[in-house]
């Protein structure tokens, strides 16, 4: 049985970092290294040419690319999570066999409703792009919702704009997207 996690309780840890990464925590900047704990209400920031990987709970992995900002708004291990991606790119990866938790990622471009999946979200070829490598993802932008499945991608040209129709991204674009959140 899961229980609520207090804001000061650790909900995850950094598993890899290249370059600079910090957590803004209750008005203090805490440098992040491999093994650093992550807590609810941490605003995680990466520097230029930086990369960070983290594990939340037992199975949810996230990677952030350069100049990314992600707020762990709410996280109840095994129950739900709410995150705010305010800048940069993210890869979310939860194995198919893990417990499905209600997870929402909010951005200025729209909202992502995670259904147990691996996906990319962030800057891609001049737009905010979302690509689902595995599973399903519900994307809501400008009041319209689309469900992306494995191999699907969409573009959102600006904050407040509707998402494009669902398309198949080229392998080059997929490689570029995932490389933007990998160490160099």
N, C-alpha and C. Protein backbone atom coordinates (compact mmCIF):
# COMPACT_ATOMS: atom_id res chain seq x y z
N UNK A 1 0.84 -1.18 0.00
CA UNK A 1 0.00 0.00 0.00
C UNK A 1 0.88 1.24 0.00
N UNK A 2 0.58 2.21 -0.85
CA UNK A 2 1.36 3.44 -0.94
C UNK A 2 0.84 4.46 0.04
N UNK A 3 1.74 5.34 0.44
CA UNK A 3 1.33 6.41 1.34
C UNK A 3 1.86 7.73 0.82
N UNK A 4 1.22 8.84 1.20
CA UNK A 4 1.69 10.14 0.74
C UNK A 4 3.12 10.40 1.19
N UNK A 5 3.88 11.07 0.32
CA UNK A 5 5.25 11.42 0.62
C UNK A 5 5.30 12.90 0.99
N UNK A 6 5.89 13.19 2.13
CA UNK A 6 6.02 14.58 2.56
C UNK A 6 7.00 15.30 1.66
N UNK A 7 6.85 16.63 1.56
CA UNK A 7 7.70 17.42 0.68
C UNK A 7 9.18 17.21 0.96
N UNK A 8 9.56 16.98 2.22
CA UNK A 8 10.97 16.83 2.55
C UNK A 8 11.47 15.39 2.40
N UNK A 9 10.60 14.46 1.99
CA UNK A 9 10.99 13.07 1.82
C UNK A 9 11.58 12.84 0.43
N UNK A 10 12.58 11.98 0.37
CA UNK A 10 13.21 11.65 -0.89
C UNK A 10 12.28 10.78 -1.72
N UNK A 11 12.10 11.15 -3.00
CA UNK A 11 11.25 10.38 -3.91
C UNK A 11 12.05 9.77 -5.05
N UNK A 12 13.32 10.11 -5.13
CA UNK A 12 14.15 9.59 -6.20
C UNK A 12 15.59 10.00 -6.00
N UNK A 13 16.41 9.67 -7.00
CA UNK A 13 17.83 9.99 -6.92
C UNK A 13 18.40 10.21 -8.32
N UNK A 14 19.46 10.97 -8.38
CA UNK A 14 20.19 11.21 -9.62
C UNK A 14 21.00 9.95 -9.93
N UNK A 15 20.91 9.46 -11.17
CA UNK A 15 21.65 8.26 -11.56
C UNK A 15 22.82 8.57 -12.49
N UNK A 16 22.81 9.73 -13.13
CA UNK A 16 23.92 10.16 -14.00
C UNK A 16 23.82 11.67 -14.17
N UNK A 17 24.97 12.30 -14.29
CA UNK A 17 25.00 13.74 -14.56
C UNK A 17 26.29 14.06 -15.31
N UNK A 18 26.14 14.89 -16.32
CA UNK A 18 27.27 15.43 -17.06
C UNK A 18 27.12 16.93 -17.06
N UNK A 19 28.17 17.67 -16.74
CA UNK A 19 28.06 19.12 -16.68
C UNK A 19 27.50 19.54 -15.34
N UNK A 20 26.65 20.60 -15.38
CA UNK A 20 26.12 21.16 -14.14
C UNK A 20 24.63 20.91 -14.00
N UNK A 21 24.23 20.56 -12.78
CA UNK A 21 22.82 20.38 -12.48
C UNK A 21 22.61 20.76 -11.01
N UNK A 22 21.49 21.43 -10.76
CA UNK A 22 21.15 21.83 -9.39
C UNK A 22 19.67 21.55 -9.14
N UNK A 23 19.33 21.52 -7.87
CA UNK A 23 17.93 21.49 -7.46
C UNK A 23 17.69 22.75 -6.64
N UNK A 24 16.74 23.58 -7.08
CA UNK A 24 16.31 24.70 -6.24
C UNK A 24 15.36 24.10 -5.22
N UNK A 25 15.76 24.16 -3.96
CA UNK A 25 15.02 23.50 -2.89
C UNK A 25 14.82 24.50 -1.75
N UNK A 26 13.58 24.88 -1.55
CA UNK A 26 13.21 25.82 -0.48
C UNK A 26 14.15 27.02 -0.42
N UNK A 27 14.38 27.61 -1.58
CA UNK A 27 15.19 28.83 -1.64
C UNK A 27 16.68 28.63 -1.68
N UNK A 28 17.15 27.39 -1.71
CA UNK A 28 18.58 27.10 -1.77
C UNK A 28 18.90 26.30 -3.02
N UNK A 29 20.06 26.57 -3.62
CA UNK A 29 20.53 25.79 -4.75
C UNK A 29 21.40 24.66 -4.25
N UNK A 30 21.00 23.44 -4.55
CA UNK A 30 21.73 22.25 -4.12
C UNK A 30 22.36 21.61 -5.34
N UNK A 31 23.70 21.53 -5.40
CA UNK A 31 24.34 20.86 -6.54
C UNK A 31 23.93 19.39 -6.58
N UNK A 32 23.70 18.87 -7.79
CA UNK A 32 23.30 17.48 -7.95
C UNK A 32 24.44 16.66 -8.53
N UNK A 33 24.71 15.54 -7.90
CA UNK A 33 25.70 14.57 -8.34
C UNK A 33 25.03 13.19 -8.35
N UNK A 34 25.72 12.20 -8.90
CA UNK A 34 25.19 10.84 -8.87
C UNK A 34 24.92 10.46 -7.41
N UNK A 35 23.72 9.96 -7.15
CA UNK A 35 23.32 9.57 -5.80
C UNK A 35 22.58 10.65 -5.03
N UNK A 36 22.59 11.89 -5.52
CA UNK A 36 21.86 12.96 -4.82
C UNK A 36 20.38 12.63 -4.77
N UNK A 37 19.78 12.85 -3.61
CA UNK A 37 18.36 12.62 -3.45
C UNK A 37 17.53 13.71 -4.10
N UNK A 38 16.34 13.34 -4.55
CA UNK A 38 15.39 14.28 -5.15
C UNK A 38 14.12 14.28 -4.32
N UNK A 39 13.53 15.46 -4.17
CA UNK A 39 12.37 15.61 -3.30
C UNK A 39 11.23 16.33 -4.00
N UNK A 40 10.03 16.12 -3.49
CA UNK A 40 8.87 16.85 -3.99
C UNK A 40 9.15 18.35 -3.82
N UNK A 41 8.80 19.12 -4.82
CA UNK A 41 8.99 20.56 -4.91
C UNK A 41 10.40 20.96 -5.32
N UNK A 42 11.27 20.00 -5.65
CA UNK A 42 12.57 20.34 -6.22
C UNK A 42 12.36 20.86 -7.64
N UNK A 43 13.00 21.99 -7.96
CA UNK A 43 13.05 22.49 -9.32
C UNK A 43 14.44 22.13 -9.84
N UNK A 44 14.48 21.15 -10.71
CA UNK A 44 15.76 20.62 -11.21
C UNK A 44 16.15 21.41 -12.45
N UNK A 45 17.39 21.89 -12.48
CA UNK A 45 17.89 22.69 -13.59
C UNK A 45 19.21 22.12 -14.08
N UNK A 46 19.36 22.06 -15.40
CA UNK A 46 20.64 21.65 -15.98
C UNK A 46 21.25 22.85 -16.69
N UNK A 47 22.58 22.88 -16.74
CA UNK A 47 23.29 23.96 -17.40
C UNK A 47 23.46 23.70 -18.89
N UNK A 48 24.17 24.61 -19.54
CA UNK A 48 24.47 24.44 -20.96
C UNK A 48 25.32 23.19 -21.13
N UNK A 49 25.09 22.48 -22.21
CA UNK A 49 25.84 21.27 -22.52
C UNK A 49 25.85 20.29 -21.35
N UNK A 50 24.74 20.22 -20.63
CA UNK A 50 24.63 19.34 -19.48
C UNK A 50 23.52 18.32 -19.70
N UNK A 51 23.52 17.30 -18.86
CA UNK A 51 22.60 16.17 -18.96
C UNK A 51 22.39 15.63 -17.56
N UNK A 52 21.18 15.18 -17.26
CA UNK A 52 20.91 14.58 -15.96
C UNK A 52 19.95 13.41 -16.15
N UNK A 53 20.22 12.32 -15.46
CA UNK A 53 19.30 11.17 -15.44
C UNK A 53 18.90 10.94 -14.00
N UNK A 54 17.63 10.56 -13.80
CA UNK A 54 17.14 10.31 -12.45
C UNK A 54 16.20 9.12 -12.45
N UNK A 55 16.07 8.53 -11.28
CA UNK A 55 15.12 7.44 -11.08
C UNK A 55 14.18 7.86 -9.97
N UNK A 56 12.88 7.85 -10.26
CA UNK A 56 11.87 8.20 -9.27
C UNK A 56 11.15 6.92 -8.86
N UNK A 57 10.97 6.74 -7.56
CA UNK A 57 10.39 5.49 -7.09
C UNK A 57 11.29 4.34 -7.49
N UNK A 58 10.68 3.21 -7.83
CA UNK A 58 11.46 2.02 -8.19
C UNK A 58 11.70 1.85 -9.68
N UNK A 59 10.93 2.57 -10.53
CA UNK A 59 11.00 2.22 -11.95
C UNK A 59 10.90 3.38 -12.92
N UNK A 60 10.54 4.58 -12.50
CA UNK A 60 10.35 5.68 -13.44
C UNK A 60 11.66 6.41 -13.66
N UNK A 61 12.17 6.33 -14.88
CA UNK A 61 13.41 7.00 -15.24
C UNK A 61 13.09 8.24 -16.07
N UNK A 62 13.81 9.32 -15.80
CA UNK A 62 13.69 10.54 -16.59
C UNK A 62 15.09 11.03 -16.91
N UNK A 63 15.22 11.60 -18.10
CA UNK A 63 16.47 12.25 -18.50
C UNK A 63 16.15 13.66 -18.93
N UNK A 64 17.02 14.59 -18.57
CA UNK A 64 16.89 15.99 -18.98
C UNK A 64 18.11 16.36 -19.80
N UNK A 65 17.89 17.15 -20.85
CA UNK A 65 18.99 17.65 -21.66
C UNK A 65 19.48 19.00 -21.16
N UNK A 66 20.24 19.69 -22.00
CA UNK A 66 20.83 20.98 -21.65
C UNK A 66 19.75 22.03 -21.40
N UNK A 67 20.04 22.90 -20.45
CA UNK A 67 19.19 24.06 -20.11
C UNK A 67 17.73 23.66 -19.89
N UNK A 68 17.55 22.55 -19.18
CA UNK A 68 16.20 22.08 -18.87
C UNK A 68 15.80 22.51 -17.46
N UNK A 69 14.50 22.64 -17.24
CA UNK A 69 13.95 22.92 -15.92
C UNK A 69 12.73 22.04 -15.72
N UNK A 70 12.75 21.25 -14.65
CA UNK A 70 11.65 20.35 -14.34
C UNK A 70 11.33 20.45 -12.85
N UNK A 71 10.08 20.76 -12.55
CA UNK A 71 9.61 20.80 -11.17
C UNK A 71 8.93 19.48 -10.83
N UNK A 72 9.37 18.85 -9.74
CA UNK A 72 8.67 17.69 -9.21
C UNK A 72 7.56 18.27 -8.33
N UNK A 73 6.41 18.50 -8.93
CA UNK A 73 5.32 19.18 -8.25
C UNK A 73 4.67 18.30 -7.19
N UNK A 74 4.43 17.05 -7.57
CA UNK A 74 3.79 16.10 -6.65
C UNK A 74 4.25 14.71 -7.05
N UNK A 75 4.55 13.88 -6.07
CA UNK A 75 4.93 12.51 -6.39
C UNK A 75 4.60 11.61 -5.22
N UNK A 76 3.70 10.69 -5.46
CA UNK A 76 3.34 9.66 -4.48
C UNK A 76 3.76 8.33 -5.09
N UNK A 77 4.80 7.75 -4.53
CA UNK A 77 5.39 6.55 -5.10
C UNK A 77 4.33 5.47 -5.27
N UNK A 78 4.22 4.96 -6.48
CA UNK A 78 3.27 3.91 -6.80
C UNK A 78 1.85 4.38 -7.00
N UNK A 79 1.61 5.70 -6.91
CA UNK A 79 0.25 6.23 -7.03
C UNK A 79 0.13 7.25 -8.15
N UNK A 80 0.86 8.38 -8.04
CA UNK A 80 0.74 9.43 -9.05
C UNK A 80 1.92 10.38 -9.00
N UNK A 81 2.06 11.14 -10.09
CA UNK A 81 3.09 12.15 -10.16
C UNK A 81 2.65 13.29 -11.04
N UNK A 82 3.03 14.50 -10.66
CA UNK A 82 2.77 15.69 -11.47
C UNK A 82 4.08 16.46 -11.58
N UNK A 83 4.45 16.79 -12.81
CA UNK A 83 5.70 17.48 -13.08
C UNK A 83 5.42 18.67 -13.98
N UNK A 84 6.25 19.71 -13.88
CA UNK A 84 6.17 20.86 -14.77
C UNK A 84 7.49 21.00 -15.50
N UNK A 85 7.47 20.79 -16.81
CA UNK A 85 8.64 20.98 -17.65
C UNK A 85 8.55 22.41 -18.20
N UNK A 86 9.36 23.31 -17.63
CA UNK A 86 9.27 24.71 -18.03
C UNK A 86 10.27 25.09 -19.10
N UNK A 87 11.28 24.23 -19.32
CA UNK A 87 12.27 24.53 -20.35
C UNK A 87 13.04 23.25 -20.67
N UNK A 88 13.52 23.16 -21.90
CA UNK A 88 14.37 22.05 -22.29
C UNK A 88 13.63 20.80 -22.69
N UNK A 89 14.41 19.72 -22.82
CA UNK A 89 13.89 18.44 -23.31
C UNK A 89 13.95 17.38 -22.22
N UNK A 90 13.03 16.42 -22.35
CA UNK A 90 12.89 15.35 -21.37
C UNK A 90 12.61 14.03 -22.09
N UNK A 91 13.15 12.95 -21.55
CA UNK A 91 12.74 11.61 -21.94
C UNK A 91 12.20 10.95 -20.68
N UNK A 92 11.01 10.39 -20.81
CA UNK A 92 10.33 9.69 -19.72
C UNK A 92 10.31 8.22 -20.09
N UNK A 93 10.64 7.36 -19.14
CA UNK A 93 10.69 5.92 -19.43
C UNK A 93 10.23 5.13 -18.21
N UNK A 94 9.10 4.47 -18.37
CA UNK A 94 8.61 3.56 -17.33
C UNK A 94 8.39 2.22 -18.00
N UNK A 95 9.03 1.17 -17.50
CA UNK A 95 8.90 -0.15 -18.12
C UNK A 95 7.45 -0.62 -18.17
N UNK A 96 7.13 -1.37 -19.21
CA UNK A 96 5.77 -1.88 -19.38
C UNK A 96 5.29 -2.70 -18.20
N UNK A 97 6.19 -3.45 -17.57
CA UNK A 97 5.79 -4.35 -16.49
C UNK A 97 5.65 -3.65 -15.13
N UNK A 98 6.03 -2.38 -15.03
CA UNK A 98 5.94 -1.68 -13.75
C UNK A 98 4.50 -1.24 -13.47
N UNK A 99 4.24 -0.92 -12.21
CA UNK A 99 2.92 -0.46 -11.79
C UNK A 99 2.58 0.82 -12.54
N UNK A 100 1.40 0.87 -13.13
CA UNK A 100 0.97 2.06 -13.87
C UNK A 100 0.47 3.10 -12.87
N UNK A 101 1.10 4.25 -12.85
CA UNK A 101 0.69 5.33 -11.97
C UNK A 101 0.18 6.48 -12.82
N UNK A 102 -0.73 7.25 -12.28
CA UNK A 102 -1.26 8.42 -12.97
C UNK A 102 -0.16 9.48 -12.96
N UNK A 103 0.34 9.81 -14.14
CA UNK A 103 1.43 10.78 -14.25
C UNK A 103 1.07 11.84 -15.27
N UNK A 104 1.26 13.10 -14.87
CA UNK A 104 0.98 14.23 -15.74
C UNK A 104 2.22 15.10 -15.82
N UNK A 105 2.57 15.49 -17.03
CA UNK A 105 3.66 16.44 -17.24
C UNK A 105 3.06 17.66 -17.91
N UNK A 106 3.15 18.80 -17.21
CA UNK A 106 2.62 20.05 -17.74
C UNK A 106 3.76 20.83 -18.39
N UNK A 107 3.45 21.48 -19.52
CA UNK A 107 4.40 22.35 -20.20
C UNK A 107 3.64 23.62 -20.61
N UNK A 108 4.35 24.63 -21.05
CA UNK A 108 3.66 25.83 -21.55
C UNK A 108 2.96 25.54 -22.88
N UNK A 109 3.27 24.41 -23.50
CA UNK A 109 2.68 24.05 -24.78
C UNK A 109 1.45 23.17 -24.63
N UNK A 110 1.34 22.49 -23.51
CA UNK A 110 0.21 21.60 -23.30
C UNK A 110 0.49 20.64 -22.16
N UNK A 111 -0.34 19.64 -22.05
CA UNK A 111 -0.25 18.67 -20.96
C UNK A 111 -0.10 17.27 -21.53
N UNK A 112 0.75 16.47 -20.88
CA UNK A 112 1.02 15.11 -21.31
C UNK A 112 0.50 14.15 -20.24
N UNK A 113 -0.41 13.29 -20.61
CA UNK A 113 -0.95 12.28 -19.70
C UNK A 113 -0.30 10.94 -19.99
N UNK A 114 0.57 10.52 -19.10
CA UNK A 114 1.39 9.33 -19.31
C UNK A 114 0.58 8.07 -19.02
N UNK A 115 0.70 7.10 -19.90
CA UNK A 115 0.00 5.82 -19.74
C UNK A 115 1.00 4.66 -19.71
N UNK A 116 2.13 4.85 -19.08
CA UNK A 116 3.14 3.80 -19.02
C UNK A 116 3.86 3.69 -20.34
N UNK A 117 4.94 4.40 -20.51
CA UNK A 117 5.50 4.56 -21.84
C UNK A 117 6.94 5.04 -21.81
N UNK A 118 7.52 5.17 -22.99
CA UNK A 118 8.81 5.85 -23.18
C UNK A 118 8.57 6.88 -24.27
N UNK A 119 8.85 8.15 -23.93
CA UNK A 119 8.63 9.21 -24.91
C UNK A 119 9.62 10.35 -24.72
N UNK A 120 9.73 11.15 -25.77
CA UNK A 120 10.52 12.39 -25.79
C UNK A 120 9.55 13.56 -25.83
N UNK A 121 9.87 14.64 -25.11
CA UNK A 121 9.12 15.89 -25.21
C UNK A 121 10.11 17.04 -25.07
N UNK A 122 10.05 17.98 -26.01
CA UNK A 122 10.94 19.14 -25.92
C UNK A 122 11.22 19.74 -27.28
N UNK A 123 12.17 20.68 -27.30
CA UNK A 123 12.52 21.34 -28.56
C UNK A 123 13.00 20.34 -29.60
N UNK A 124 12.43 20.46 -30.80
CA UNK A 124 12.81 19.59 -31.91
C UNK A 124 12.52 20.30 -33.22
N UNK A 125 13.58 20.66 -33.91
CA UNK A 125 13.46 21.29 -35.23
C UNK A 125 12.58 22.53 -35.20
N UNK A 126 12.80 23.37 -34.20
CA UNK A 126 12.14 24.68 -34.14
C UNK A 126 10.75 24.69 -33.55
N UNK A 127 10.27 23.55 -33.06
CA UNK A 127 8.94 23.46 -32.44
C UNK A 127 9.08 22.65 -31.15
N UNK A 128 8.00 22.58 -30.37
CA UNK A 128 7.94 21.66 -29.24
C UNK A 128 7.41 20.35 -29.80
N UNK A 129 8.24 19.33 -29.76
CA UNK A 129 7.86 18.04 -30.34
C UNK A 129 7.64 17.00 -29.27
N UNK A 130 6.78 16.06 -29.57
CA UNK A 130 6.53 14.91 -28.71
C UNK A 130 6.56 13.67 -29.58
N UNK A 131 7.34 12.68 -29.16
CA UNK A 131 7.44 11.42 -29.90
C UNK A 131 7.34 10.25 -28.93
N UNK A 132 6.47 9.30 -29.23
CA UNK A 132 6.28 8.12 -28.39
C UNK A 132 7.03 6.94 -29.00
N UNK A 133 8.03 6.47 -28.28
CA UNK A 133 8.78 5.30 -28.76
C UNK A 133 8.06 4.00 -28.40
N UNK A 134 7.43 3.97 -27.20
CA UNK A 134 6.76 2.77 -26.73
C UNK A 134 5.57 3.18 -25.86
N UNK A 135 4.44 2.51 -26.02
CA UNK A 135 3.28 2.75 -25.17
C UNK A 135 2.33 3.78 -25.76
N UNK A 136 1.64 4.50 -24.87
CA UNK A 136 0.67 5.52 -25.26
C UNK A 136 0.86 6.77 -24.43
N UNK A 137 0.49 7.90 -25.02
CA UNK A 137 0.60 9.19 -24.35
C UNK A 137 -0.55 10.07 -24.81
N UNK A 138 -1.25 10.65 -23.88
CA UNK A 138 -2.35 11.57 -24.19
C UNK A 138 -1.80 13.00 -24.17
N UNK A 139 -1.91 13.71 -25.29
CA UNK A 139 -1.39 15.07 -25.41
C UNK A 139 -2.57 16.03 -25.57
N UNK A 140 -2.65 17.01 -24.68
CA UNK A 140 -3.69 18.03 -24.76
C UNK A 140 -3.02 19.38 -24.99
N UNK A 141 -3.40 20.04 -26.07
CA UNK A 141 -2.87 21.36 -26.40
C UNK A 141 -4.01 22.21 -26.94
N UNK A 142 -4.16 23.40 -26.41
CA UNK A 142 -5.21 24.33 -26.83
C UNK A 142 -6.60 23.69 -26.77
N UNK A 143 -6.83 22.87 -25.74
CA UNK A 143 -8.14 22.27 -25.54
C UNK A 143 -8.43 21.03 -26.36
N UNK A 144 -7.53 20.65 -27.25
CA UNK A 144 -7.73 19.45 -28.07
C UNK A 144 -6.80 18.34 -27.60
N UNK A 145 -7.34 17.12 -27.49
CA UNK A 145 -6.58 15.98 -27.00
C UNK A 145 -6.38 14.95 -28.12
N UNK A 146 -5.16 14.44 -28.19
CA UNK A 146 -4.82 13.38 -29.12
C UNK A 146 -4.10 12.28 -28.34
N UNK A 147 -4.32 11.05 -28.73
CA UNK A 147 -3.62 9.93 -28.11
C UNK A 147 -2.56 9.43 -29.08
N UNK A 148 -1.31 9.51 -28.65
CA UNK A 148 -0.19 9.03 -29.45
C UNK A 148 0.16 7.62 -29.01
N UNK A 149 0.45 6.77 -29.98
CA UNK A 149 0.87 5.41 -29.72
C UNK A 149 2.29 5.22 -30.23
N UNK A 150 2.86 4.07 -30.01
CA UNK A 150 4.24 3.79 -30.43
C UNK A 150 4.47 4.22 -31.87
N UNK A 151 5.52 5.01 -32.07
CA UNK A 151 5.88 5.48 -33.41
C UNK A 151 5.25 6.80 -33.81
N UNK A 152 4.33 7.35 -32.99
CA UNK A 152 3.65 8.59 -33.34
C UNK A 152 4.40 9.82 -32.80
N UNK A 153 4.29 10.91 -33.54
CA UNK A 153 4.85 12.19 -33.11
C UNK A 153 3.90 13.32 -33.43
N UNK A 154 4.05 14.42 -32.71
CA UNK A 154 3.28 15.65 -32.99
C UNK A 154 4.20 16.85 -32.79
N UNK A 155 3.78 17.98 -33.33
CA UNK A 155 4.48 19.25 -33.15
C UNK A 155 3.50 20.27 -32.59
N UNK A 156 4.00 21.11 -31.69
CA UNK A 156 3.23 22.25 -31.20
C UNK A 156 4.09 23.48 -31.48
N UNK A 157 3.61 24.34 -32.37
CA UNK A 157 4.43 25.45 -32.87
C UNK A 157 4.68 26.55 -31.86
N UNK A 158 3.73 26.79 -30.94
CA UNK A 158 3.91 27.85 -29.94
C UNK A 158 2.98 27.60 -28.76
N UNK A 159 3.25 28.29 -27.68
CA UNK A 159 2.40 28.19 -26.50
C UNK A 159 0.98 28.61 -26.86
N UNK A 160 0.00 27.81 -26.49
CA UNK A 160 -1.40 28.12 -26.79
C UNK A 160 -1.88 27.62 -28.13
N UNK A 161 -0.97 27.08 -28.95
CA UNK A 161 -1.36 26.57 -30.27
C UNK A 161 -1.81 25.12 -30.17
N UNK A 162 -2.66 24.72 -31.10
CA UNK A 162 -3.06 23.32 -31.19
C UNK A 162 -1.88 22.50 -31.72
N UNK A 163 -1.86 21.24 -31.36
CA UNK A 163 -0.84 20.34 -31.88
C UNK A 163 -1.15 19.99 -33.33
N UNK A 164 -0.10 19.67 -34.07
CA UNK A 164 -0.28 19.19 -35.43
C UNK A 164 -1.02 17.86 -35.39
N UNK A 165 -1.38 17.38 -36.56
CA UNK A 165 -1.91 16.02 -36.63
C UNK A 165 -0.80 15.03 -36.29
N UNK A 166 -1.18 13.84 -35.94
CA UNK A 166 -0.21 12.81 -35.61
C UNK A 166 0.53 12.39 -36.88
N UNK A 167 1.86 12.32 -36.77
CA UNK A 167 2.70 11.94 -37.92
C UNK A 167 3.72 10.90 -37.49
N UNK A 168 4.38 10.36 -38.47
CA UNK A 168 5.53 9.46 -38.23
C UNK A 168 6.77 10.30 -38.44
N UNK A 169 7.60 10.40 -37.41
CA UNK A 169 8.85 11.14 -37.53
C UNK A 169 9.87 10.30 -38.30
N UNK A 170 10.78 10.99 -39.01
CA UNK A 170 11.87 10.30 -39.68
C UNK A 170 12.83 9.75 -38.62
N UNK A 171 13.57 8.72 -39.00
CA UNK A 171 14.54 8.15 -38.06
C UNK A 171 15.59 9.18 -37.66
N UNK A 172 15.97 10.08 -38.59
CA UNK A 172 16.93 11.13 -38.27
C UNK A 172 16.39 12.05 -37.18
N UNK A 173 15.12 12.43 -37.28
CA UNK A 173 14.52 13.31 -36.28
C UNK A 173 14.42 12.60 -34.92
N UNK A 174 14.05 11.35 -34.92
CA UNK A 174 13.97 10.57 -33.68
C UNK A 174 15.34 10.51 -33.03
N UNK A 175 16.37 10.21 -33.82
CA UNK A 175 17.73 10.14 -33.29
C UNK A 175 18.16 11.48 -32.71
N UNK A 176 17.87 12.60 -33.40
CA UNK A 176 18.21 13.93 -32.91
C UNK A 176 17.53 14.22 -31.57
N UNK A 177 16.26 13.88 -31.48
CA UNK A 177 15.49 14.16 -30.26
C UNK A 177 16.08 13.42 -29.07
N UNK A 178 16.28 12.12 -29.20
CA UNK A 178 16.80 11.34 -28.08
C UNK A 178 18.25 11.71 -27.76
N UNK A 179 19.03 12.08 -28.78
CA UNK A 179 20.42 12.50 -28.54
C UNK A 179 20.48 13.81 -27.74
N UNK A 180 19.43 14.63 -27.83
CA UNK A 180 19.44 15.92 -27.11
C UNK A 180 19.32 15.74 -25.60
N UNK A 181 19.02 14.55 -25.13
CA UNK A 181 18.94 14.30 -23.68
C UNK A 181 19.92 13.20 -23.26
N UNK A 182 20.99 13.03 -24.03
CA UNK A 182 22.00 12.04 -23.73
C UNK A 182 23.34 12.75 -23.51
N UNK A 183 24.20 12.17 -22.71
CA UNK A 183 25.51 12.81 -22.48
C UNK A 183 26.31 12.86 -23.77
N UNK A 184 27.12 13.91 -23.89
CA UNK A 184 27.95 14.05 -25.10
C UNK A 184 29.34 13.52 -24.87
